[in-house]
């Protein structure tokens, strides 16, 4: 995962890197594309890959539950090591 920061180009002095933000949690993000018919992981012999519906999971030594966003209707917690489907729309 990548966190981007936008800096004020007019500022004369930048805050030292270690003081710009404070991490609250750390995860490894695994994204996996799957087969169209079986929804199993792809391999070298896979003929049809479902490019628009990959899945992801959060893992790592420090992985913890990500609480659902309270203001989003139907939001649920994301549990480490559980697979979750994504939907991608290509233009």
PDB file of N, CA and C in Angstrom:
ATOM      1  N   UNK A   1       0.845  -1.160   0.000  1.00  0.00           N
ATOM      2  CA  UNK A   1       0.000   0.000   0.000  1.00  0.00           C
ATOM      3  C   UNK A   1       0.895   1.229   0.000  1.00  0.00           C
ATOM      4  N   UNK A   2       0.417   2.273  -0.619  1.00  0.00           N
ATOM      5  CA  UNK A   2       1.194   3.478  -0.771  1.00  0.00           C
ATOM      6  C   UNK A   2       0.411   4.656  -0.221  1.00  0.00           C
ATOM      7  N   UNK A   3       1.050   5.462   0.591  1.00  0.00           N
ATOM      8  CA  UNK A   3       0.427   6.680   1.105  1.00  0.00           C
ATOM      9  C   UNK A   3       1.129   7.863   0.463  1.00  0.00           C
ATOM     10  N   UNK A   4       0.373   8.739  -0.144  1.00  0.00           N
ATOM     11  CA  UNK A   4       0.946   9.901  -0.817  1.00  0.00           C
ATOM     12  C   UNK A   4       0.681  11.163  -0.012  1.00  0.00           C
ATOM     13  N   UNK A   5       1.641  12.061  -0.017  1.00  0.00           N
ATOM     14  CA  UNK A   5       1.515  13.329   0.672  1.00  0.00           C
ATOM     15  C   UNK A   5       1.654  14.444  -0.356  1.00  0.00           C
ATOM     16  N   UNK A   6       0.826  15.473  -0.227  1.00  0.00           N
ATOM     17  CA  UNK A   6       0.932  16.649  -1.097  1.00  0.00           C
ATOM     18  C   UNK A   6       1.528  17.771  -0.265  1.00  0.00           C
ATOM     19  N   UNK A   7       2.607  18.343  -0.771  1.00  0.00           N
ATOM     20  CA  UNK A   7       3.312  19.379  -0.035  1.00  0.00           C
ATOM     21  C   UNK A   7       2.938  20.758  -0.562  1.00  0.00           C
ATOM     22  N   UNK A   8       2.907  21.719   0.313  1.00  0.00           N
ATOM     23  CA  UNK A   8       2.658  23.102  -0.067  1.00  0.00           C
ATOM     24  C   UNK A   8       3.927  23.643  -0.727  1.00  0.00           C
ATOM     25  N   UNK A   9       3.844  23.915  -2.015  1.00  0.00           N
ATOM     26  CA  UNK A   9       5.027  24.347  -2.752  1.00  0.00           C
ATOM     27  C   UNK A   9       5.491  25.751  -2.353  1.00  0.00           C
ATOM     28  N   UNK A  10       4.623  26.523  -1.670  1.00  0.00           N
ATOM     29  CA  UNK A  10       4.986  27.884  -1.263  1.00  0.00           C
ATOM     30  C   UNK A  10       5.644  27.923   0.109  1.00  0.00           C
ATOM     31  N   UNK A  11       5.590  26.811   0.836  1.00  0.00           N
ATOM     32  CA  UNK A  11       6.169  26.779   2.184  1.00  0.00           C
ATOM     33  C   UNK A  11       7.696  26.859   2.092  1.00  0.00           C
ATOM     34  N   UNK A  12       8.280  27.646   2.945  1.00  0.00           N
ATOM     35  CA  UNK A  12       9.741  27.821   2.944  1.00  0.00           C
ATOM     36  C   UNK A  12      10.447  26.643   3.628  1.00  0.00           C
ATOM     37  N   UNK A  13       9.819  26.109   4.662  1.00  0.00           N
ATOM     38  CA  UNK A  13      10.441  25.032   5.434  1.00  0.00           C
ATOM     39  C   UNK A  13       9.464  23.855   5.488  1.00  0.00           C
ATOM     40  N   UNK A  14       9.966  22.679   5.186  1.00  0.00           N
ATOM     41  CA  UNK A  14       9.142  21.472   5.265  1.00  0.00           C
ATOM     42  C   UNK A  14       9.331  20.807   6.626  1.00  0.00           C
ATOM     43  N   UNK A  15       8.284  20.192   7.119  1.00  0.00           N
ATOM     44  CA  UNK A  15       8.354  19.437   8.365  1.00  0.00           C
ATOM     45  C   UNK A  15       9.218  18.199   8.142  1.00  0.00           C
ATOM     46  N   UNK A  16      10.070  17.839   9.092  1.00  0.00           N
ATOM     47  CA  UNK A  16      10.883  16.625   8.929  1.00  0.00           C
ATOM     48  C   UNK A  16      10.001  15.408   8.646  1.00  0.00           C
ATOM     49  N   UNK A  17      10.520  14.509   7.832  1.00  0.00           N
ATOM     50  CA  UNK A  17       9.752  13.347   7.379  1.00  0.00           C
ATOM     51  C   UNK A  17       9.102  12.586   8.531  1.00  0.00           C
ATOM     52  N   UNK A  18       9.861  12.298   9.567  1.00  0.00           N
ATOM     53  CA  UNK A  18       9.330  11.495  10.679  1.00  0.00           C
ATOM     54  C   UNK A  18       8.232  12.203  11.470  1.00  0.00           C
ATOM     55  N   UNK A  19       8.060  13.522  11.283  1.00  0.00           N
ATOM     56  CA  UNK A  19       7.026  14.273  12.004  1.00  0.00           C
ATOM     57  C   UNK A  19       5.799  14.578  11.145  1.00  0.00           C
ATOM     58  N   UNK A  20       5.765  14.098   9.907  1.00  0.00           N
ATOM     59  CA  UNK A  20       4.662  14.434   9.001  1.00  0.00           C
ATOM     60  C   UNK A  20       3.397  13.644   9.284  1.00  0.00           C
ATOM     61  N   UNK A  21       3.510  12.472   9.797  1.00  0.00           N
ATOM     62  CA  UNK A  21       2.336  11.655  10.058  1.00  0.00           C
ATOM     63  C   UNK A  21       2.679  10.559  11.044  1.00  0.00           C
ATOM     64  N   UNK A  22       1.660   9.979  11.604  1.00  0.00           N
ATOM     65  CA  UNK A  22       1.856   8.916  12.582  1.00  0.00           C
ATOM     66  C   UNK A  22       1.059   7.698  12.134  1.00  0.00           C
ATOM     67  N   UNK A  23       1.737   6.614  11.793  1.00  0.00           N
ATOM     68  CA  UNK A  23       1.004   5.417  11.380  1.00  0.00           C
ATOM     69  C   UNK A  23       0.144   4.891  12.523  1.00  0.00           C
ATOM     70  N   UNK A  24      -1.053   4.467  12.190  1.00  0.00           N
ATOM     71  CA  UNK A  24      -1.942   3.912  13.208  1.00  0.00           C
ATOM     72  C   UNK A  24      -2.043   2.393  13.094  1.00  0.00           C
ATOM     73  N   UNK A  25      -1.722   1.848  11.917  1.00  0.00           N
ATOM     74  CA  UNK A  25      -1.757   0.401  11.732  1.00  0.00           C
ATOM     75  C   UNK A  25      -0.971   0.063  10.468  1.00  0.00           C
ATOM     76  N   UNK A  26      -0.619  -1.202  10.345  1.00  0.00           N
ATOM     77  CA  UNK A  26       0.157  -1.635   9.189  1.00  0.00           C
ATOM     78  C   UNK A  26      -0.342  -2.996   8.727  1.00  0.00           C
ATOM     79  N   UNK A  27      -0.541  -3.130   7.413  1.00  0.00           N
ATOM     80  CA  UNK A  27      -0.987  -4.380   6.826  1.00  0.00           C
ATOM     81  C   UNK A  27      -0.202  -4.641   5.553  1.00  0.00           C
ATOM     82  N   UNK A  28      -0.240  -5.872   5.104  1.00  0.00           N
ATOM     83  CA  UNK A  28       0.200  -6.223   3.771  1.00  0.00           C
ATOM     84  C   UNK A  28      -1.072  -6.462   2.965  1.00  0.00           C
ATOM     85  N   UNK A  29      -1.135  -5.905   1.769  1.00  0.00           N
ATOM     86  CA  UNK A  29      -2.306  -6.035   0.915  1.00  0.00           C
ATOM     87  C   UNK A  29      -1.985  -7.022  -0.197  1.00  0.00           C
ATOM     88  N   UNK A  30      -2.751  -8.098  -0.283  1.00  0.00           N
ATOM     89  CA  UNK A  30      -2.567  -9.108  -1.313  1.00  0.00           C
ATOM     90  C   UNK A  30      -3.751  -9.014  -2.266  1.00  0.00           C
ATOM     91  N   UNK A  31      -3.475  -8.739  -3.551  1.00  0.00           N
ATOM     92  CA  UNK A  31      -4.513  -8.675  -4.583  1.00  0.00           C
ATOM     93  C   UNK A  31      -4.306  -9.870  -5.499  1.00  0.00           C
ATOM     94  N   UNK A  32      -5.397 -10.572  -5.794  1.00  0.00           N
ATOM     95  CA  UNK A  32      -5.296 -11.787  -6.588  1.00  0.00           C
ATOM     96  C   UNK A  32      -6.387 -11.807  -7.656  1.00  0.00           C
ATOM     97  N   UNK A  33      -5.977 -12.084  -8.895  1.00  0.00           N
ATOM     98  CA  UNK A  33      -6.948 -12.271  -9.964  1.00  0.00           C
ATOM     99  C   UNK A  33      -7.323 -13.744 -10.002  1.00  0.00           C
ATOM    100  N   UNK A  34      -8.553 -14.012 -10.383  1.00  0.00           N
ATOM    101  CA  UNK A  34      -9.081 -15.373 -10.310  1.00  0.00           C
ATOM    102  C   UNK A  34      -9.605 -15.823 -11.669  1.00  0.00           C
ATOM    103  N   UNK A  35      -9.872 -17.141 -11.765  1.00  0.00           N
ATOM    104  CA  UNK A  35     -10.433 -17.720 -12.984  1.00  0.00           C
ATOM    105  C   UNK A  35     -11.904 -17.343 -13.117  1.00  0.00           C
ATOM    106  N   UNK A  36     -12.362 -17.191 -14.347  1.00  0.00           N
ATOM    107  CA  UNK A  36     -13.747 -16.786 -14.593  1.00  0.00           C
ATOM    108  C   UNK A  36     -14.736 -17.825 -14.077  1.00  0.00           C
ATOM    109  N   UNK A  37     -14.539 -19.087 -14.420  1.00  0.00           N
ATOM    110  CA  UNK A  37     -15.540 -20.106 -14.110  1.00  0.00           C
ATOM    111  C   UNK A  37     -15.491 -20.610 -12.675  1.00  0.00           C
ATOM    112  N   UNK A  38     -14.316 -20.730 -12.097  1.00  0.00           N
ATOM    113  CA  UNK A  38     -14.205 -21.364 -10.774  1.00  0.00           C
ATOM    114  C   UNK A  38     -13.944 -20.396  -9.632  1.00  0.00           C
ATOM    115  N   UNK A  39     -13.530 -19.171  -9.931  1.00  0.00           N
ATOM    116  CA  UNK A  39     -13.148 -18.172  -8.924  1.00  0.00           C
ATOM    117  C   UNK A  39     -11.953 -18.637  -8.091  1.00  0.00           C
ATOM    118  N   UNK A  40     -11.166 -19.581  -8.617  1.00  0.00           N
ATOM    119  CA  UNK A  40      -9.934 -20.025  -7.966  1.00  0.00           C
ATOM    120  C   UNK A  40      -8.765 -19.194  -8.487  1.00  0.00           C
ATOM    121  N   UNK A  41      -7.646 -19.263  -7.796  1.00  0.00           N
ATOM    122  CA  UNK A  41      -6.459 -18.519  -8.206  1.00  0.00           C
ATOM    123  C   UNK A  41      -6.042 -18.902  -9.620  1.00  0.00           C
ATOM    124  N   UNK A  42      -5.511 -17.935 -10.353  1.00  0.00           N
ATOM    125  CA  UNK A  42      -5.015 -18.223 -11.692  1.00  0.00           C
ATOM    126  C   UNK A  42      -3.653 -18.903 -11.603  1.00  0.00           C
ATOM    127  N   UNK A  43      -3.302 -19.645 -12.642  1.00  0.00           N
ATOM    128  CA  UNK A  43      -1.970 -20.227 -12.765  1.00  0.00           C
ATOM    129  C   UNK A  43      -1.548 -20.115 -14.225  1.00  0.00           C
ATOM    130  N   UNK A  44      -0.416 -20.703 -14.578  1.00  0.00           N
ATOM    131  CA  UNK A  44       0.115 -20.533 -15.926  1.00  0.00           C
ATOM    132  C   UNK A  44      -0.798 -21.131 -17.000  1.00  0.00           C
ATOM    133  N   UNK A  45      -1.669 -22.054 -16.645  1.00  0.00           N
ATOM    134  CA  UNK A  45      -2.543 -22.706 -17.618  1.00  0.00           C
ATOM    135  C   UNK A  45      -3.937 -22.084 -17.671  1.00  0.00           C
ATOM    136  N   UNK A  46      -4.202 -21.048 -16.907  1.00  0.00           N
ATOM    137  CA  UNK A  46      -5.528 -20.431 -16.881  1.00  0.00           C
ATOM    138  C   UNK A  46      -5.828 -19.787 -18.223  1.00  0.00           C
ATOM    139  N   UNK A  47      -6.967 -20.167 -18.811  1.00  0.00           N
ATOM    140  CA  UNK A  47      -7.343 -19.635 -20.120  1.00  0.00           C
ATOM    141  C   UNK A  47      -8.157 -18.349 -19.997  1.00  0.00           C
ATOM    142  N   UNK A  48      -9.000 -18.246 -18.980  1.00  0.00           N
ATOM    143  CA  UNK A  48      -9.863 -17.074 -18.823  1.00  0.00           C
ATOM    144  C   UNK A  48      -9.686 -16.474 -17.438  1.00  0.00           C
ATOM    145  N   UNK A  49      -9.137 -15.260 -17.397  1.00  0.00           N
ATOM    146  CA  UNK A  49      -8.925 -14.544 -16.134  1.00  0.00           C
ATOM    147  C   UNK A  49     -10.001 -13.491 -15.987  1.00  0.00           C
ATOM    148  N   UNK A  50     -10.578 -13.413 -14.821  1.00  0.00           N
ATOM    149  CA  UNK A  50     -11.611 -12.410 -14.546  1.00  0.00           C
ATOM    150  C   UNK A  50     -10.932 -11.108 -14.126  1.00  0.00           C
ATOM    151  N   UNK A  51     -10.578 -10.283 -15.107  1.00  0.00           N
ATOM    152  CA  UNK A  51      -9.837  -9.039 -14.853  1.00  0.00           C
ATOM    153  C   UNK A  51     -10.676  -7.999 -14.129  1.00  0.00           C
ATOM    154  N   UNK A  52     -11.986  -8.096 -14.166  1.00  0.00           N
ATOM    155  CA  UNK A  52     -12.825  -7.062 -13.550  1.00  0.00           C
ATOM    156  C   UNK A  52     -13.272  -7.397 -12.129  1.00  0.00           C
ATOM    157  N   UNK A  53     -12.960  -8.600 -11.645  1.00  0.00           N
ATOM    158  CA  UNK A  53     -13.378  -8.975 -10.296  1.00  0.00           C
ATOM    159  C   UNK A  53     -12.274  -9.686  -9.521  1.00  0.00           C
ATOM    160  N   UNK A  54     -11.182  -9.006  -9.226  1.00  0.00           N
ATOM    161  CA  UNK A  54     -10.150  -9.644  -8.396  1.00  0.00           C
ATOM    162  C   UNK A  54     -10.629  -9.719  -6.943  1.00  0.00           C
ATOM    163  N   UNK A  55      -9.834 -10.307  -6.114  1.00  0.00           N
ATOM    164  CA  UNK A  55     -10.138 -10.325  -4.679  1.00  0.00           C
ATOM    165  C   UNK A  55      -8.892  -9.864  -3.929  1.00  0.00           C
ATOM    166  N   UNK A  56      -9.094  -9.480  -2.673  1.00  0.00           N
ATOM    167  CA  UNK A  56      -7.973  -9.009  -1.872  1.00  0.00           C
ATOM    168  C   UNK A  56      -8.128  -9.491  -0.439  1.00  0.00           C
ATOM    169  N   UNK A  57      -7.003  -9.463   0.268  1.00  0.00           N
ATOM    170  CA  UNK A  57      -7.047  -9.720   1.709  1.00  0.00           C
ATOM    171  C   UNK A  57      -5.919  -8.936   2.368  1.00  0.00           C
ATOM    172  N   UNK A  58      -6.118  -8.656   3.635  1.00  0.00           N
ATOM    173  CA  UNK A  58      -5.128  -7.965   4.458  1.00  0.00           C
ATOM    174  C   UNK A  58      -4.435  -9.005   5.315  1.00  0.00           C
ATOM    175  N   UNK A  59      -3.112  -8.916   5.367  1.00  0.00           N
ATOM    176  CA  UNK A  59      -2.365  -9.883   6.161  1.00  0.00           C
ATOM    177  C   UNK A  59      -1.116  -9.228   6.712  1.00  0.00           C
ATOM    178  N   UNK A  60      -0.305  -9.991   7.397  1.00  0.00           N
ATOM    179  CA  UNK A  60       0.928  -9.480   7.974  1.00  0.00           C
ATOM    180  C   UNK A  60       0.946  -9.662   9.480  1.00  0.00           C
ATOM    181  N   UNK A  61       2.134  -9.550  10.043  1.00  0.00           N
ATOM    182  CA  UNK A  61       2.316  -9.775  11.477  1.00  0.00           C
ATOM    183  C   UNK A  61       1.495  -8.810  12.324  1.00  0.00           C
ATOM    184  N   UNK A  62       1.328  -7.574  11.854  1.00  0.00           N
ATOM    185  CA  UNK A  62       0.607  -6.575  12.637  1.00  0.00           C
ATOM    186  C   UNK A  62      -0.830  -6.378  12.160  1.00  0.00           C
ATOM    187  N   UNK A  63      -1.305  -7.243  11.277  1.00  0.00           N
ATOM    188  CA  UNK A  63      -2.651  -7.080  10.723  1.00  0.00           C
ATOM    189  C   UNK A  63      -3.704  -7.142  11.823  1.00  0.00           C
ATOM    190  N   UNK A  64      -4.660  -6.258  11.719  1.00  0.00           N
ATOM    191  CA  UNK A  64      -5.749  -6.212  12.692  1.00  0.00           C
ATOM    192  C   UNK A  64      -7.041  -5.873  11.965  1.00  0.00           C
ATOM    193  N   UNK A  65      -8.148  -5.952  12.656  1.00  0.00           N
ATOM    194  CA  UNK A  65      -9.450  -5.670  12.062  1.00  0.00           C
ATOM    195  C   UNK A  65      -9.511  -4.201  11.638  1.00  0.00           C
ATOM    196  N   UNK A  66     -10.036  -3.965  10.421  1.00  0.00           N
ATOM    197  CA  UNK A  66     -10.276  -2.602   9.948  1.00  0.00           C
ATOM    198  C   UNK A  66     -11.762  -2.340  10.146  1.00  0.00           C
ATOM    199  N   UNK A  67     -12.122  -1.421  11.046  1.00  0.00           N
ATOM    200  CA  UNK A  67     -13.548  -1.182  11.306  1.00  0.00           C
ATOM    201  C   UNK A  67     -14.245  -0.580  10.090  1.00  0.00           C
ATOM    202  N   UNK A  68     -15.488  -0.978   9.893  1.00  0.00           N
ATOM    203  CA  UNK A  68     -16.294  -0.414   8.809  1.00  0.00           C
ATOM    204  C   UNK A  68     -16.516   1.074   9.036  1.00  0.00           C
ATOM    205  N   UNK A  69     -16.582   1.835   7.940  1.00  0.00           N
ATOM    206  CA  UNK A  69     -16.794   3.279   8.030  1.00  0.00           C
ATOM    207  C   UNK A  69     -18.223   3.542   8.497  1.00  0.00           C
ATOM    208  N   UNK A  70     -18.377   4.135   9.656  1.00  0.00           N
ATOM    209  CA  UNK A  70     -19.679   4.292  10.308  1.00  0.00           C
ATOM    210  C   UNK A  70     -20.688   5.066   9.469  1.00  0.00           C
ATOM    211  N   UNK A  71     -20.241   5.999   8.649  1.00  0.00           N
ATOM    212  CA  UNK A  71     -21.166   6.818   7.862  1.00  0.00           C
ATOM    213  C   UNK A  71     -21.594   6.153   6.555  1.00  0.00           C
ATOM    214  N   UNK A  72     -21.053   4.991   6.250  1.00  0.00           N
ATOM    215  CA  UNK A  72     -21.424   4.286   5.021  1.00  0.00           C
ATOM    216  C   UNK A  72     -22.473   3.239   5.354  1.00  0.00           C
ATOM    217  N   UNK A  73     -23.647   3.309   4.720  1.00  0.00           N
ATOM    218  CA  UNK A  73     -24.692   2.310   4.989  1.00  0.00           C
ATOM    219  C   UNK A  73     -24.214   0.901   4.642  1.00  0.00           C
ATOM    220  N   UNK A  74     -24.424  -0.019   5.541  1.00  0.00           N
ATOM    221  CA  UNK A  74     -24.059  -1.410   5.310  1.00  0.00           C
ATOM    222  C   UNK A  74     -22.578  -1.711   5.434  1.00  0.00           C
ATOM    223  N   UNK A  75     -21.795  -0.785   5.956  1.00  0.00           N
ATOM    224  CA  UNK A  75     -20.350  -1.007   6.087  1.00  0.00           C
ATOM    225  C   UNK A  75     -20.088  -2.120   7.099  1.00  0.00           C
ATOM    226  N   UNK A  76     -19.107  -2.955   6.795  1.00  0.00           N
ATOM    227  CA  UNK A  76     -18.738  -4.040   7.701  1.00  0.00           C
ATOM    228  C   UNK A  76     -17.236  -3.993   7.963  1.00  0.00           C
ATOM    229  N   UNK A  77     -16.833  -4.612   9.032  1.00  0.00           N
ATOM    230  CA  UNK A  77     -15.411  -4.686   9.366  1.00  0.00           C
ATOM    231  C   UNK A  77     -14.682  -5.595   8.375  1.00  0.00           C
ATOM    232  N   UNK A  78     -13.412  -5.283   8.102  1.00  0.00           N
ATOM    233  CA  UNK A  78     -12.560  -6.143   7.286  1.00  0.00           C
ATOM    234  C   UNK A  78     -11.656  -6.925   8.230  1.00  0.00           C
ATOM    235  N   UNK A  79     -11.735  -8.233   8.129  1.00  0.00           N
ATOM    236  CA  UNK A  79     -10.952  -9.108   9.003  1.00  0.00           C
ATOM    237  C   UNK A  79      -9.675  -9.538   8.304  1.00  0.00           C
ATOM    238  N   UNK A  80      -8.559  -9.575   9.017  1.00  0.00           N
ATOM    239  CA  UNK A  80      -7.315 -10.051   8.412  1.00  0.00           C
ATOM    240  C   UNK A  80      -7.465 -11.491   7.926  1.00  0.00           C
ATOM    241  N   UNK A  81      -6.815 -11.791   6.813  1.00  0.00           N
ATOM    242  CA  UNK A  81      -6.735 -13.134   6.242  1.00  0.00           C
ATOM    243  C   UNK A  81      -8.049 -13.646   5.668  1.00  0.00           C
ATOM    244  N   UNK A  82      -9.062 -12.791   5.524  1.00  0.00           N
ATOM    245  CA  UNK A  82     -10.298 -13.163   4.827  1.00  0.00           C
ATOM    246  C   UNK A  82     -10.270 -12.535   3.441  1.00  0.00           C
ATOM    247  N   UNK A  83     -10.755 -13.263   2.436  1.00  0.00           N
ATOM    248  CA  UNK A  83     -10.807 -12.738   1.072  1.00  0.00           C
ATOM    249  C   UNK A  83     -12.035 -11.863   0.891  1.00  0.00           C
ATOM    250  N   UNK A  84     -11.861 -10.750   0.159  1.00  0.00           N
ATOM    251  CA  UNK A  84     -12.942  -9.831  -0.168  1.00  0.00           C
ATOM    252  C   UNK A  84     -12.892  -9.539  -1.663  1.00  0.00           C
ATOM    253  N   UNK A  85     -14.064  -9.544  -2.297  1.00  0.00           N
ATOM    254  CA  UNK A  85     -14.131  -9.291  -3.733  1.00  0.00           C
ATOM    255  C   UNK A  85     -14.078  -7.794  -4.027  1.00  0.00           C
ATOM    256  N   UNK A  86     -13.445  -7.476  -5.147  1.00  0.00           N
ATOM    257  CA  UNK A  86     -13.409  -6.112  -5.662  1.00  0.00           C
ATOM    258  C   UNK A  86     -14.145  -6.090  -6.990  1.00  0.00           C
ATOM    259  N   UNK A  87     -14.621  -4.942  -7.381  1.00  0.00           N
ATOM    260  CA  UNK A  87     -15.214  -4.779  -8.696  1.00  0.00           C
ATOM    261  C   UNK A  87     -14.495  -3.611  -9.375  1.00  0.00           C
ATOM    262  N   UNK A  88     -13.895  -3.877 -10.531  1.00  0.00           N
ATOM    263  CA  UNK A  88     -13.160  -2.851 -11.257  1.00  0.00           C
ATOM    264  C   UNK A  88     -13.880  -2.574 -12.573  1.00  0.00           C
ATOM    265  N   UNK A  89     -14.048  -1.288 -12.866  1.00  0.00           N
ATOM    266  CA  UNK A  89     -14.647  -0.891 -14.150  1.00  0.00           C
ATOM    267  C   UNK A  89     -13.573  -0.222 -14.980  1.00  0.00           C
ATOM    268  N   UNK A  90     -13.271  -0.835 -16.100  1.00  0.00           N
ATOM    269  CA  UNK A  90     -12.264  -0.284 -17.005  1.00  0.00           C
ATOM    270  C   UNK A  90     -12.933   0.643 -18.015  1.00  0.00           C
ATOM    271  N   UNK A  91     -12.282   1.742 -18.324  1.00  0.00           N
ATOM    272  CA  UNK A  91     -12.853   2.674 -19.307  1.00  0.00           C
ATOM    273  C   UNK A  91     -12.051   2.636 -20.588  1.00  0.00           C
TER     274      UNK A  91
END
